[in-house]
Amino acid sequence: MANELDELTGPTMDEGRDVNVIARQIPVTVGGGSKFFDIMWWFLPPIIGGIVWTIMKVKAKNHFQQLQQKIQHDASQIDNYLEQRVQILKNCAGLLDKAIDLDKDTFTKIAQYRSHSGAEGDEARNEFAAEIGNIDRAVNIAFENYPDLKAHREIADAMQQNSYLQREITAAREVYNDTVNTWNRDVFSWPTKQIVAAKAGYTTRIPFIADKETKDAARGSFF
């Protein structure tokens, strides 16, 4: 039998193809067959079948509850790194302002986001991260416009910490996306998990989505 996807013979797309994350939550549902399957267990050898099936569903319910806590933990890690990055950017802006005339609006925005107590929900977290990215770009532009500032140890250290935190945020988002992927896969794992997920009214979850400005910048020319 030939490979369904043959990388040698194609078809291929020479022009390439961009991809986007679909921001849509898909509800978990089951059909009549699954409902019959759920009831059928109680008609297996006296009671035992129903008890075994109930235990399986309890384990599946516990799995989803624990997974939700894991998603919360992973999201909190992203918030922690974002908060640290706001503080680092505040320090960068303060150091730069001592050497050059930095846009005062940058300080106002940083102060505003410094008081941010943590984004609630995936969409809010993505919007918050996008705003932090905009501030980061403003600070970096100012830094690059004055090459002599790179010799300033405090400024160089602050910029290095900012770069480190951005890598940590990227890594934390990857961990978050992995957990979300586990959730999205398991809610459609038939029979036990999907039946439990459908009864609980669960939906799929949306992974991290980069903002449009970041994606457009990534397509630009840097050299």
Protein backbone atom coordinates (compact mmCIF):
# COMPACT_ATOMS: atom_id res chain seq x y z
CA MET A 1 0.00 0.00 0.00
CA ALA A 2 1.37 3.42 -0.97
CA ASN A 3 1.76 6.26 1.53
CA GLU A 4 -1.33 8.45 1.75
CA LEU A 5 0.98 11.49 2.04
CA ASP A 6 3.91 11.05 -0.32
CA GLU A 7 6.53 13.78 0.08
CA LEU A 8 8.32 12.64 -3.07
CA THR A 9 5.49 12.86 -5.59
CA GLY A 10 3.35 15.59 -4.05
CA PRO A 11 1.20 17.42 -4.79
CA THR A 12 3.24 20.35 -3.50
CA MET A 13 2.56 24.09 -3.22
CA ASP A 14 5.52 26.04 -4.52
CA GLU A 15 3.87 29.32 -3.55
CA GLY A 16 3.62 28.23 0.10
CA ARG A 17 0.68 28.62 2.44
CA ASP A 18 0.28 30.66 5.62
CA VAL A 19 -1.69 29.29 8.56
CA ASN A 20 -3.73 30.84 11.35
CA VAL A 21 -5.11 29.59 14.64
CA ILE A 22 -8.89 29.29 14.48
CA ALA A 23 -10.33 31.04 17.55
CA ARG A 24 -13.34 28.78 17.95
CA GLN A 25 -14.43 26.50 20.77
CA ILE A 26 -16.04 23.29 19.53
CA PRO A 27 -18.63 21.77 21.89
CA VAL A 28 -18.28 18.07 22.67
CA THR A 29 -21.36 16.06 21.69
CA VAL A 30 -22.30 12.39 21.42
CA GLY A 31 -24.94 10.64 19.37
CA GLY A 32 -27.61 8.11 20.19
CA GLY A 33 -25.16 5.23 19.88
CA SER A 34 -23.01 6.63 22.66
CA LYS A 35 -26.04 7.15 24.89
CA PHE A 36 -27.06 3.55 24.29
CA PHE A 37 -23.49 2.46 25.06
CA ASP A 38 -23.67 4.40 28.33
CA ILE A 39 -26.85 2.61 29.43
CA MET A 40 -25.87 -0.80 28.07
CA TRP A 41 -23.26 -1.36 30.78
CA TRP A 42 -25.97 -1.80 33.41
CA PHE A 43 -27.36 -4.79 31.50
CA LEU A 44 -24.06 -6.66 31.52
CA PRO A 45 -23.49 -9.43 34.14
CA PRO A 46 -25.51 -8.33 37.15
CA ILE A 47 -24.58 -4.82 38.28
CA ILE A 48 -20.83 -5.41 37.89
CA GLY A 49 -20.72 -3.94 34.39
CA GLY A 50 -22.47 -0.76 35.54
CA ILE A 51 -20.14 -0.37 38.52
CA VAL A 52 -17.05 -0.80 36.35
CA TRP A 53 -18.38 1.74 33.84
CA THR A 54 -19.17 4.21 36.63
CA ILE A 55 -15.62 3.91 37.98
CA MET A 56 -14.24 4.52 34.47
CA LYS A 57 -16.33 7.67 34.13
CA VAL A 58 -15.27 8.93 37.57
CA LYS A 59 -11.63 8.50 36.55
CA ALA A 60 -12.28 10.39 33.31
CA LYS A 61 -14.00 13.20 35.24
CA ASN A 62 -11.03 13.40 37.63
CA HIS A 63 -8.68 13.49 34.64
CA PHE A 64 -10.45 16.53 33.17
CA GLN A 65 -10.59 18.33 36.51
CA GLN A 66 -6.85 17.82 37.01
CA LEU A 67 -6.16 18.88 33.44
CA GLN A 68 -8.10 22.10 33.97
CA GLN A 69 -5.92 22.87 36.98
CA LYS A 70 -2.82 22.17 34.87
CA ILE A 71 -4.06 24.62 32.22
CA GLN A 72 -4.62 27.23 34.93
CA HIS A 73 -1.11 26.64 36.26
CA ASP A 74 0.45 26.95 32.81
CA ALA A 75 -1.52 30.15 32.11
CA SER A 76 -0.39 31.56 35.46
CA GLN A 77 3.24 30.94 34.51
CA ILE A 78 2.77 33.07 31.39
CA ASP A 79 1.23 35.83 33.51
CA ASN A 80 4.17 35.69 35.93
CA TYR A 81 6.70 36.12 33.13
CA LEU A 82 4.65 38.92 31.57
CA GLU A 83 4.57 40.75 34.90
CA GLN A 84 8.34 40.39 35.27
CA ARG A 85 8.81 41.67 31.74
CA VAL A 86 6.73 44.76 32.48
CA GLN A 87 9.05 45.54 35.40
CA ILE A 88 12.16 45.00 33.26
CA LEU A 89 10.77 47.26 30.53
CA LYS A 90 10.03 49.88 33.18
CA ASN A 91 13.66 49.69 34.26
CA CYS A 92 14.86 49.89 30.65
CA ALA A 93 12.70 52.92 29.96
CA GLY A 94 13.92 54.63 33.12
CA LEU A 95 17.57 54.06 32.24
CA LEU A 96 17.07 55.19 28.67
CA ASP A 97 15.24 58.31 29.79
CA LYS A 98 18.31 59.37 31.77
CA ALA A 99 20.38 59.27 28.60
CA ILE A 100 17.91 60.32 25.89
CA ASP A 101 14.53 61.99 25.51
CA LEU A 102 12.25 58.95 25.55
CA ASP A 103 8.59 59.28 24.61
CA LYS A 104 6.72 60.03 27.85
CA ASP A 105 3.76 58.00 26.60
CA THR A 106 5.90 54.89 27.02
CA PHE A 107 6.14 55.53 30.77
CA THR A 108 2.39 56.02 31.03
CA LYS A 109 1.69 52.73 29.31
CA ILE A 110 4.22 50.82 31.39
CA ALA A 111 2.74 52.19 34.62
CA GLN A 112 -0.69 51.13 33.42
CA TYR A 113 0.36 47.58 32.63
CA ARG A 114 2.49 47.27 35.74
CA SER A 115 -0.71 47.48 37.81
CA HIS A 116 -2.20 44.67 35.73
CA SER A 117 -3.09 41.84 38.11
CA GLY A 118 -3.02 39.07 35.51
CA ALA A 119 -5.12 38.55 32.41
CA GLU A 120 -8.29 36.53 32.82
CA GLY A 121 -8.98 34.23 29.91
CA ASP A 122 -7.00 33.33 26.81
CA GLU A 123 -8.18 36.30 24.72
CA ALA A 124 -7.39 38.87 27.43
CA ARG A 125 -3.98 37.32 28.02
CA ASN A 126 -3.13 37.48 24.32
CA GLU A 127 -4.21 41.14 24.12
CA PHE A 128 -2.12 41.99 27.19
CA ALA A 129 0.92 40.21 25.73
CA ALA A 130 0.47 42.09 22.46
CA GLU A 131 0.50 45.45 24.26
CA ILE A 132 3.66 44.46 26.14
CA GLY A 133 5.19 43.55 22.78
CA ASN A 134 4.39 47.03 21.46
CA ILE A 135 6.11 48.64 24.44
CA ASP A 136 9.08 46.34 23.96
CA ARG A 137 9.41 47.44 20.35
CA ALA A 138 9.31 51.11 21.36
CA VAL A 139 12.08 50.58 23.91
CA ASN A 140 14.16 48.57 21.45
CA ILE A 141 13.83 51.22 18.74
CA ALA A 142 15.09 53.86 21.15
CA PHE A 143 17.93 51.56 22.21
CA GLU A 144 18.98 50.82 18.62
CA ASN A 145 18.89 54.50 17.65
CA TYR A 146 21.61 55.26 20.18
CA PRO A 147 24.40 52.66 19.70
CA ASP A 148 26.56 54.29 22.38
CA LEU A 149 24.04 53.22 25.01
CA LYS A 150 24.99 49.58 24.45
CA ALA A 151 28.18 50.24 26.38
CA HIS A 152 26.11 51.23 29.42
CA ARG A 153 26.23 48.14 31.65
CA GLU A 154 22.90 48.67 33.42
CA ILE A 155 21.04 49.27 30.16
CA ALA A 156 22.71 46.31 28.45
CA ASP A 157 21.86 44.05 31.43
CA ALA A 158 18.25 45.21 31.43
CA MET A 159 17.90 44.55 27.70
CA GLN A 160 19.45 41.13 28.16
CA GLN A 161 16.98 40.30 30.93
CA ASN A 162 14.15 41.45 28.67
CA SER A 163 15.36 39.13 25.92
CA TYR A 164 15.63 36.26 28.40
CA LEU A 165 12.10 36.81 29.68
CA GLN A 166 10.74 36.83 26.13
CA ARG A 167 12.29 33.40 25.59
CA GLU A 168 10.77 32.21 28.85
CA ILE A 169 7.35 33.51 27.79
CA THR A 170 7.69 31.66 24.48
CA ALA A 171 8.62 28.45 26.30
CA ALA A 172 5.75 28.88 28.78
CA ARG A 173 3.31 29.37 25.90
CA GLU A 174 4.57 26.15 24.34
CA VAL A 175 3.91 24.27 27.59
CA TYR A 176 0.45 25.87 27.77
CA ASN A 177 -0.31 24.89 24.18
CA ASP A 178 0.80 21.30 24.88
CA THR A 179 -1.65 21.07 27.77
CA VAL A 180 -4.43 22.61 25.70
CA ASN A 181 -3.66 20.09 22.95
CA THR A 182 -3.98 17.25 25.49
CA TRP A 183 -7.37 18.62 26.56
CA ASN A 184 -8.59 19.04 22.98
CA ARG A 185 -7.52 15.50 22.13
CA ASP A 186 -8.98 13.88 25.23
CA VAL A 187 -12.44 15.48 25.05
CA PHE A 188 -12.92 13.57 21.78
CA SER A 189 -11.43 10.30 23.05
CA TRP A 190 -14.36 7.91 22.71
CA PRO A 191 -15.99 6.30 24.58
CA THR A 192 -15.37 7.17 28.23
CA LYS A 193 -13.78 10.61 28.04
CA GLN A 194 -15.95 11.92 25.22
CA ILE A 195 -19.16 10.78 26.92
CA VAL A 196 -18.07 12.38 30.21
CA ALA A 197 -16.98 15.59 28.42
CA ALA A 198 -20.28 15.82 26.55
CA LYS A 199 -22.31 15.39 29.74
CA ALA A 200 -20.23 18.06 31.46
CA GLY A 201 -20.74 20.48 28.55
CA TYR A 202 -17.03 20.81 27.82
CA THR A 203 -15.67 22.42 24.68
CA THR A 204 -12.27 22.50 23.05
CA ARG A 205 -9.87 25.24 24.19
CA ILE A 206 -8.08 27.84 22.08
CA PRO A 207 -4.27 27.77 22.13
CA PHE A 208 -2.04 30.83 22.21
CA ILE A 209 -2.48 33.11 19.18
CA ALA A 210 0.16 35.65 18.13
CA ASP A 211 -1.22 39.13 17.46
CA LYS A 212 -1.46 40.43 13.89
CA GLU A 213 1.27 43.05 14.33
CA THR A 214 3.76 40.42 15.49
CA LYS A 215 2.92 38.12 12.59
CA ASP A 216 3.23 40.97 10.09
CA ALA A 217 6.58 41.99 11.58
CA ALA A 218 7.84 38.42 11.29
CA ARG A 219 7.24 38.55 7.54
CA GLY A 220 9.22 41.77 7.14
CA SER A 221 12.88 42.31 6.25
CA PHE A 222 15.35 42.68 9.10
CA PHE A 223 18.59 43.02 7.14
